[in-house]
Amino acid sequence: MIGPIGYYVHHHGDGHRQRALAIAKSAPHGRFTLIGTGLAGRTEGLPYLDLADDRLTDNRVFDGRDDTVDRPLALHYAPSQHGGIRSRAALLTSWIAQERPSLMVVDVSVEIAMLARLAATPTVYVRLSGLRDDPAHLEAFRGASVILSPFNRELDDPGMPDWVRAKTRFCPGLTSSSRSSEPNRQDTILVVYGRGGTGGVGDALAAAARAAPGFDWRVIGPVSQPQSCPDNLSILGWVEEAEREIARAGLVVGAAGDGLVNAVIATGSRFICLPEPRPFDEQLSKAHRLAAIGAAVVIERWPQVSDWPGLIAAARDLDPGVLNRLHEPDGARRAADFLIATAREGMPRASA
């Protein structure tokens, strides 16, 4: 009988938590324990371990900088004299000693992966998009039993070392989104903003809606209110069922985060992708791959008002077969089965 599987959830944005929920809910109840900061009331009844915050400033902000000059190359974030970090390290290692987990999935943190390995626990490291070939990432990859990437192999950065790719299990479809039973509303454009970015500018959205008056524009996520809102623009704010909005839209506009990209791929909506700045060019790398294979129209800054009609036309001309090729309809369950098998066998298991 195997022990529990710990799943560390990074607190920047909400994509890590959503991915963890999709996997853990596809496994027998109690098999996974979610571990991270601010999880109380947000795990949909799944077991969790809430850790102290490790951020240096406002709890809503995390830029990944620790302001230290003596940090080892094998670490990304290791501020000194931080009570929260001391507390979380002690709580996590205490949980490991008591529960004896068979595996720790780390999504994402080099430091948590190293701590788990020091506590004699095998790790699966979640490798996101971008060129992650710095010393800290490479050591975390080297110490992991296997690497898991939540996207199709076709979206991987071509600059990643061959040995890293060979050790990687590519797991697309890690989303609760699915093809809607009703057809996409081709006259609907959905603009999506997540928790990890800066949010939308209402006046810019109003101008875009006026530039394409034949479409019903709907906006979800944090957005400032426009001074004047056209009749074809609806600003909905934060919604709990974003996947349903995405599934119903004929065209989605948004960043290149894993959660949104996986949802767009799952639902088959056309996609205008505006990658946001992220460490290791995570979103830019993924956006470039989406553009290269014809899965999205990619622009690196908010368009000029006059550009919208052409961008919409180009997106509507995309081949939907490309998205079908990138998707794994049962991805979350397959990932859960893979992780349980890895925990049971204790063996490296990468993609064929």
Protein backbone atom coordinates (compact mmCIF):
# COMPACT_ATOMS: atom_id res chain seq x y z
CA MET A 1 0.00 0.00 0.00
CA ILE A 2 1.42 3.38 -1.00
CA GLY A 3 1.42 6.46 1.16
CA PRO A 4 -0.29 9.75 0.27
CA ILE A 5 0.96 11.90 -2.57
CA GLY A 6 1.75 15.49 -1.62
CA TYR A 7 1.03 18.10 -4.28
CA TYR A 8 2.72 21.46 -3.69
CA VAL A 9 0.74 24.36 -5.18
CA HIS A 10 2.54 27.64 -5.87
CA HIS A 11 0.55 30.71 -4.85
CA HIS A 12 1.19 32.99 -7.84
CA GLY A 13 -1.99 33.26 -9.89
CA ASP A 14 -4.52 30.44 -9.75
CA GLY A 15 -3.36 28.07 -12.48
CA HIS A 16 -1.30 25.85 -10.18
CA ARG A 17 -4.27 25.26 -7.87
CA GLN A 18 -6.64 24.58 -10.75
CA ARG A 19 -4.21 22.05 -12.23
CA ALA A 20 -3.79 20.33 -8.86
CA LEU A 21 -7.57 20.14 -8.38
CA ALA A 22 -8.11 18.65 -11.84
CA ILE A 23 -5.58 15.89 -11.12
CA ALA A 24 -6.50 15.20 -7.49
CA LYS A 25 -10.25 15.05 -8.21
CA SER A 26 -9.55 12.40 -10.86
CA ALA A 27 -7.95 10.11 -8.25
CA PRO A 28 -9.50 8.20 -5.33
CA HIS A 29 -10.46 10.66 -2.59
CA GLY A 30 -7.64 11.28 -0.14
CA ARG A 31 -4.89 9.99 -2.41
CA PHE A 32 -3.54 13.53 -2.93
CA THR A 33 -2.91 16.14 -0.25
CA LEU A 34 -2.65 19.69 -1.58
CA ILE A 35 0.11 21.72 0.06
CA GLY A 36 0.61 25.47 -0.21
CA THR A 37 -0.22 28.96 1.00
CA GLY A 38 -3.80 30.19 1.24
CA LEU A 39 -5.49 26.88 0.46
CA ALA A 40 -8.03 26.92 3.28
CA GLY A 41 -11.53 26.77 1.79
CA ARG A 42 -10.17 26.43 -1.75
CA THR A 43 -9.55 22.69 -2.18
CA GLU A 44 -13.15 21.55 -2.80
CA GLY A 45 -13.05 19.13 0.11
CA LEU A 46 -9.66 17.60 -0.70
CA PRO A 47 -7.10 17.15 2.11
CA TYR A 48 -4.66 20.04 2.37
CA LEU A 49 -1.75 21.41 4.37
CA ASP A 50 -1.72 25.21 4.64
CA LEU A 51 1.77 26.70 4.82
CA ALA A 52 2.88 30.10 6.05
CA ASP A 53 3.44 32.77 3.42
CA ASP A 54 6.98 33.12 2.08
CA ARG A 55 6.57 36.50 0.37
CA LEU A 56 8.60 39.50 1.43
CA THR A 57 6.05 42.23 0.71
CA ASP A 58 2.30 42.63 0.14
CA ASN A 59 0.68 39.18 0.06
CA ARG A 60 -0.88 39.95 -3.32
CA VAL A 61 2.53 40.56 -4.92
CA PHE A 62 5.26 38.07 -5.70
CA ASP A 63 8.10 38.94 -8.07
CA GLY A 64 10.35 36.02 -7.14
CA ARG A 65 13.15 38.26 -5.84
CA ASP A 66 14.69 37.60 -2.46
CA ASP A 67 17.17 40.52 -2.24
CA THR A 68 20.04 38.25 -1.19
CA VAL A 69 23.55 38.26 -2.63
CA ASP A 70 24.74 34.95 -1.19
CA ARG A 71 22.06 32.63 -2.56
CA PRO A 72 23.42 29.32 -3.92
CA LEU A 73 23.01 28.79 -7.66
CA ALA A 74 20.86 25.73 -6.95
CA LEU A 75 18.12 27.92 -5.42
CA HIS A 76 15.84 30.60 -6.85
CA TYR A 77 14.34 32.15 -3.72
CA ALA A 78 15.95 31.95 -0.30
CA PRO A 79 15.63 35.16 1.75
CA SER A 80 17.31 35.22 5.15
CA GLN A 81 15.69 35.75 8.54
CA HIS A 82 12.16 35.08 7.27
CA GLY A 83 9.81 33.61 9.86
CA GLY A 84 7.29 32.39 7.30
CA ILE A 85 9.88 30.36 5.44
CA ARG A 86 11.17 28.82 8.65
CA SER A 87 7.63 27.88 9.63
CA ARG A 88 6.70 26.36 6.26
CA ALA A 89 9.91 24.30 6.11
CA ALA A 90 9.28 22.94 9.59
CA LEU A 91 5.61 22.17 8.90
CA LEU A 92 6.31 20.45 5.58
CA THR A 93 9.09 18.24 6.93
CA SER A 94 6.93 17.41 9.96
CA TRP A 95 4.11 16.34 7.63
CA ILE A 96 6.55 14.20 5.62
CA ALA A 97 7.84 12.53 8.79
CA GLN A 98 4.33 11.81 10.04
CA GLU A 99 2.52 10.86 6.81
CA ARG A 100 5.45 9.20 4.98
CA PRO A 101 4.32 10.24 1.48
CA SER A 102 5.29 8.04 -1.42
CA LEU A 103 5.74 11.02 -3.72
CA MET A 104 5.81 14.81 -3.75
CA VAL A 105 4.58 16.63 -6.85
CA VAL A 106 6.07 20.13 -6.94
CA ASP A 107 4.16 22.74 -8.97
CA VAL A 108 6.38 24.76 -8.78
CA SER A 109 9.32 25.54 -6.47
CA VAL A 110 12.94 24.49 -6.69
CA GLU A 111 13.26 25.02 -2.94
CA ILE A 112 10.30 22.76 -2.05
CA ALA A 113 11.62 20.09 -4.41
CA MET A 114 15.06 20.22 -2.78
CA LEU A 115 13.53 20.16 0.72
CA ALA A 116 11.43 17.10 -0.12
CA ARG A 117 14.45 15.27 -1.53
CA LEU A 118 16.45 16.13 1.59
CA ALA A 119 13.56 14.63 3.57
CA ALA A 120 13.95 11.36 1.64
CA THR A 121 10.85 11.84 -0.51
CA PRO A 122 10.88 11.19 -4.29
CA THR A 123 9.69 14.14 -6.34
CA VAL A 124 7.91 14.82 -9.61
CA TYR A 125 8.77 18.31 -10.78
CA VAL A 126 6.22 20.22 -12.87
CA ARG A 127 8.14 21.92 -15.68
CA LEU A 128 6.30 24.87 -17.18
CA SER A 129 6.93 26.44 -20.57
CA GLY A 130 9.94 28.58 -21.36
CA LEU A 131 13.66 27.96 -21.52
CA ARG A 132 14.34 26.69 -17.99
CA ASP A 133 17.99 25.74 -18.32
CA ASP A 134 19.43 27.74 -15.40
CA PRO A 135 21.40 25.85 -12.71
CA ALA A 136 18.55 25.81 -10.16
CA HIS A 137 15.98 24.36 -12.54
CA LEU A 138 18.42 21.81 -13.95
CA GLU A 139 19.29 20.55 -10.45
CA ALA A 140 15.59 20.24 -9.55
CA PHE A 141 15.03 18.31 -12.78
CA ARG A 142 18.04 16.11 -12.06
CA GLY A 143 16.79 15.26 -8.57
CA ALA A 144 13.27 14.40 -9.68
CA SER A 145 12.10 10.88 -10.40
CA VAL A 146 10.35 12.28 -13.45
CA ILE A 147 9.38 15.68 -14.86
CA LEU A 148 5.77 16.47 -15.72
CA SER A 149 4.88 19.16 -18.27
CA PRO A 150 1.22 20.24 -18.47
CA PHE A 151 1.19 20.74 -22.24
CA ASN A 152 1.59 18.87 -25.49
CA ARG A 153 5.11 18.00 -26.63
CA GLU A 154 4.62 20.28 -29.66
CA LEU A 155 4.51 23.31 -27.36
CA ASP A 156 7.85 22.60 -25.66
CA ASP A 157 10.65 25.15 -25.99
CA PRO A 158 13.09 23.82 -28.61
CA GLY A 159 16.06 25.02 -26.55
CA MET A 160 15.49 22.64 -23.63
CA PRO A 161 18.32 20.10 -23.18
CA ASP A 162 17.63 16.68 -24.67
CA TRP A 163 18.09 14.88 -21.34
CA VAL A 164 15.43 17.06 -19.73
CA ARG A 165 12.96 16.39 -22.53
CA ALA A 166 13.71 12.65 -22.38
CA LYS A 167 12.87 12.67 -18.66
CA THR A 168 9.61 14.57 -19.22
CA ARG A 169 6.12 13.15 -19.22
CA PHE A 170 3.97 15.50 -21.34
CA CYS A 171 0.44 15.71 -19.90
CA PRO A 172 -1.90 17.92 -21.95
CA GLY A 173 -5.54 18.29 -21.03
CA LEU A 174 -5.07 19.15 -17.34
CA THR A 175 -8.25 21.15 -17.15
CA SER A 176 -11.86 20.71 -16.14
CA SER A 177 -12.93 22.35 -19.42
CA SER A 178 -14.58 20.28 -22.13
CA ARG A 179 -16.32 20.74 -25.45
CA SER A 180 -19.66 22.41 -24.86
CA SER A 181 -22.80 20.45 -25.71
CA GLU A 182 -24.02 23.57 -27.45
CA PRO A 183 -22.08 25.01 -30.42
CA ASN A 184 -19.69 27.91 -29.95
CA ARG A 185 -21.40 31.25 -30.33
CA GLN A 186 -19.45 32.53 -33.29
CA ASP A 187 -20.55 36.11 -32.67
CA THR A 188 -19.11 36.08 -29.11
CA ILE A 189 -15.62 37.27 -28.20
CA LEU A 190 -14.50 36.44 -24.66
CA VAL A 191 -11.59 38.40 -23.16
CA VAL A 192 -10.01 36.63 -20.18
CA TYR A 193 -7.83 38.09 -17.42
CA GLY A 194 -6.41 35.89 -14.68
CA ARG A 195 -5.18 36.54 -11.15
CA GLY A 196 -1.52 36.41 -12.12
CA GLY A 197 -1.50 39.50 -14.36
CA THR A 198 -2.21 43.20 -14.11
CA GLY A 199 -5.84 43.04 -15.27
CA GLY A 200 -7.61 44.78 -18.11
CA VAL A 201 -8.18 48.43 -18.98
CA GLY A 202 -11.86 49.15 -19.43
CA ASP A 203 -11.44 52.02 -21.88
CA ALA A 204 -9.22 49.91 -24.16
CA LEU A 205 -11.81 47.12 -24.13
CA ALA A 206 -14.58 49.56 -24.92
CA ALA A 207 -12.61 50.86 -27.90
CA ALA A 208 -12.03 47.29 -29.14
CA ALA A 209 -15.75 46.48 -28.87
CA ARG A 210 -16.61 49.60 -30.84
CA ALA A 211 -14.09 48.57 -33.53
CA ALA A 212 -15.89 45.23 -34.02
CA PRO A 213 -19.57 46.06 -33.45
CA GLY A 214 -20.81 42.84 -35.02
CA PHE A 215 -19.61 40.82 -32.02
CA ASP A 216 -20.82 40.42 -28.46
CA TRP A 217 -17.77 41.16 -26.28
CA ARG A 218 -17.69 39.57 -22.81
CA VAL A 219 -14.87 40.16 -20.33
CA ILE A 220 -14.05 38.09 -17.25
CA GLY A 221 -11.44 38.72 -14.58
CA PRO A 222 -10.12 41.91 -12.97
CA VAL A 223 -10.88 44.91 -15.22
CA SER A 224 -11.21 48.64 -14.61
CA GLN A 225 -14.55 50.16 -15.54
CA PRO A 226 -14.63 52.17 -18.81
CA GLN A 227 -15.80 55.73 -18.84
CA SER A 228 -18.38 54.79 -21.45
CA CYS A 229 -19.48 51.20 -22.15
CA PRO A 230 -20.86 50.28 -25.61
CA ASP A 231 -23.94 48.09 -25.79
CA ASN A 232 -21.96 45.10 -27.15
CA LEU A 233 -19.56 44.99 -24.17
CA SER A 234 -20.30 43.12 -20.91
CA ILE A 235 -17.76 43.27 -18.08
CA LEU A 236 -18.53 40.36 -15.77
CA GLY A 237 -15.65 40.58 -13.28
CA TRP A 238 -14.39 37.44 -11.58
CA VAL A 239 -16.52 34.38 -12.37
CA GLU A 240 -16.21 30.94 -10.79
CA GLU A 241 -17.20 29.08 -13.96
CA ALA A 242 -14.72 30.57 -16.40
CA GLU A 243 -14.54 27.26 -18.28
CA ARG A 244 -18.21 27.55 -19.23
CA GLU A 245 -17.67 31.03 -20.65
CA ILE A 246 -14.63 29.81 -22.61
CA ALA A 247 -16.51 26.80 -23.98
CA ARG A 248 -19.35 28.98 -25.29
CA ALA A 249 -17.18 31.63 -26.95
CA GLY A 250 -16.37 31.53 -30.64
CA LEU A 251 -13.16 33.48 -30.05
CA VAL A 252 -11.07 33.89 -26.89
CA VAL A 253 -8.60 36.71 -26.24
CA GLY A 254 -6.14 36.28 -23.39
CA ALA A 255 -2.66 35.55 -22.12
CA ALA A 256 -0.56 32.40 -22.57
CA GLY A 257 -0.88 30.93 -19.09
CA ASP A 258 -1.26 27.16 -18.91
CA GLY A 259 -4.78 27.29 -17.49
CA LEU A 260 -6.24 29.46 -20.24
CA VAL A 261 -4.31 27.79 -23.06
CA ASN A 262 -5.42 24.32 -21.89
CA ALA A 263 -9.02 25.51 -21.62
CA VAL A 264 -8.96 26.99 -25.13
CA ILE A 265 -7.43 23.80 -26.52
CA ALA A 266 -10.03 21.69 -24.69
CA THR A 267 -13.00 23.71 -25.90
CA GLY A 268 -11.78 24.29 -29.46
CA SER A 269 -12.34 28.06 -29.43
CA ARG A 270 -10.32 30.28 -31.75
CA PHE A 271 -7.60 32.13 -29.87
CA ILE A 272 -5.92 35.55 -29.99
CA CYS A 273 -2.99 35.22 -27.58
CA LEU A 274 -1.33 38.17 -25.82
CA PRO A 275 1.55 36.69 -23.77
CA GLU A 276 2.37 38.49 -20.53
CA PRO A 277 5.86 38.94 -19.03
CA ARG A 278 6.83 35.94 -16.90
CA PRO A 279 10.12 34.50 -15.62
CA PHE A 280 12.03 32.43 -18.17
CA ASP A 281 9.80 33.84 -20.94
CA GLU A 282 7.24 31.20 -20.02
CA GLN A 283 4.30 32.78 -21.81
CA LEU A 284 6.30 34.19 -24.72
CA SER A 285 7.82 30.78 -25.46
CA LYS A 286 4.43 29.06 -25.41
CA ALA A 287 2.87 31.78 -27.56
CA HIS A 288 5.61 31.45 -30.16
CA ARG A 289 4.99 27.70 -30.36
CA LEU A 290 1.22 28.25 -30.67
CA ALA A 291 1.82 30.64 -33.54
CA ALA A 292 4.37 28.36 -35.21
CA ILE A 293 1.93 25.45 -35.47
CA GLY A 294 -1.09 27.60 -36.37
CA ALA A 295 -2.98 27.19 -33.10
CA ALA A 296 -3.36 30.91 -32.30
CA VAL A 297 -2.94 34.43 -33.57
CA VAL A 298 -0.22 35.93 -31.36
CA ILE A 299 0.48 39.59 -30.66
CA GLU A 300 2.86 40.77 -27.96
CA ARG A 301 1.04 43.96 -26.97
CA TRP A 302 -2.51 45.22 -26.86
CA PRO A 303 -3.54 45.98 -30.47
CA GLN A 304 -4.28 49.33 -32.00
CA VAL A 305 -8.02 49.85 -32.35
CA SER A 306 -7.81 49.66 -36.15
CA ASP A 307 -6.09 46.24 -35.95
CA TRP A 308 -8.99 44.41 -34.34
CA PRO A 309 -11.05 43.56 -37.47
CA GLY A 310 -8.00 41.97 -39.16
CA LEU A 311 -6.96 40.06 -36.05
CA ILE A 312 -10.47 38.70 -35.57
CA ALA A 313 -10.63 37.60 -39.20
CA ALA A 314 -7.24 35.87 -38.95
CA ALA A 315 -8.28 34.03 -35.77
CA ARG A 316 -11.55 32.85 -37.33
CA ASP A 317 -9.52 31.38 -40.21
CA LEU A 318 -7.42 29.15 -37.91
CA ASP A 319 -7.62 25.42 -38.54
CA PRO A 320 -9.54 23.83 -35.61
CA GLY A 321 -7.80 20.53 -36.30
CA VAL A 322 -4.60 21.90 -34.77
CA LEU A 323 -6.28 22.33 -31.37
CA ASN A 324 -7.73 18.82 -31.61
CA ARG A 325 -4.21 17.49 -32.10
CA LEU A 326 -2.93 19.25 -28.99
CA HIS A 327 -5.67 18.03 -26.65
CA GLU A 328 -5.98 14.97 -24.44
CA PRO A 329 -9.69 14.70 -23.50
CA ASP A 330 -8.98 12.55 -20.44
CA GLY A 331 -5.75 14.31 -19.48
CA ALA A 332 -6.41 14.86 -15.77
CA ARG A 333 -7.31 11.22 -15.11
CA ARG A 334 -4.35 9.96 -17.13
CA ALA A 335 -2.02 12.27 -15.18
CA ALA A 336 -3.47 11.08 -11.86
CA ASP A 337 -3.04 7.44 -12.89
CA PHE A 338 0.52 8.14 -13.98
CA LEU A 339 1.43 9.81 -10.69
CA ILE A 340 -0.15 7.02 -8.63
CA ALA A 341 1.75 4.42 -10.66
CA THR A 342 4.98 6.39 -10.21
CA ALA A 343 4.40 6.52 -6.45
CA ARG A 344 3.65 2.80 -6.35
CA GLU A 345 6.58 1.66 -8.48
CA GLY A 346 9.14 4.22 -7.36
CA MET A 347 10.58 4.20 -10.86
CA PRO A 348 11.31 6.99 -13.36
CA ARG A 349 8.52 7.07 -15.94
CA ALA A 350 8.76 9.50 -18.83
CA SER A 351 6.91 9.87 -22.11
CA ALA A 352 7.31 7.21 -24.75
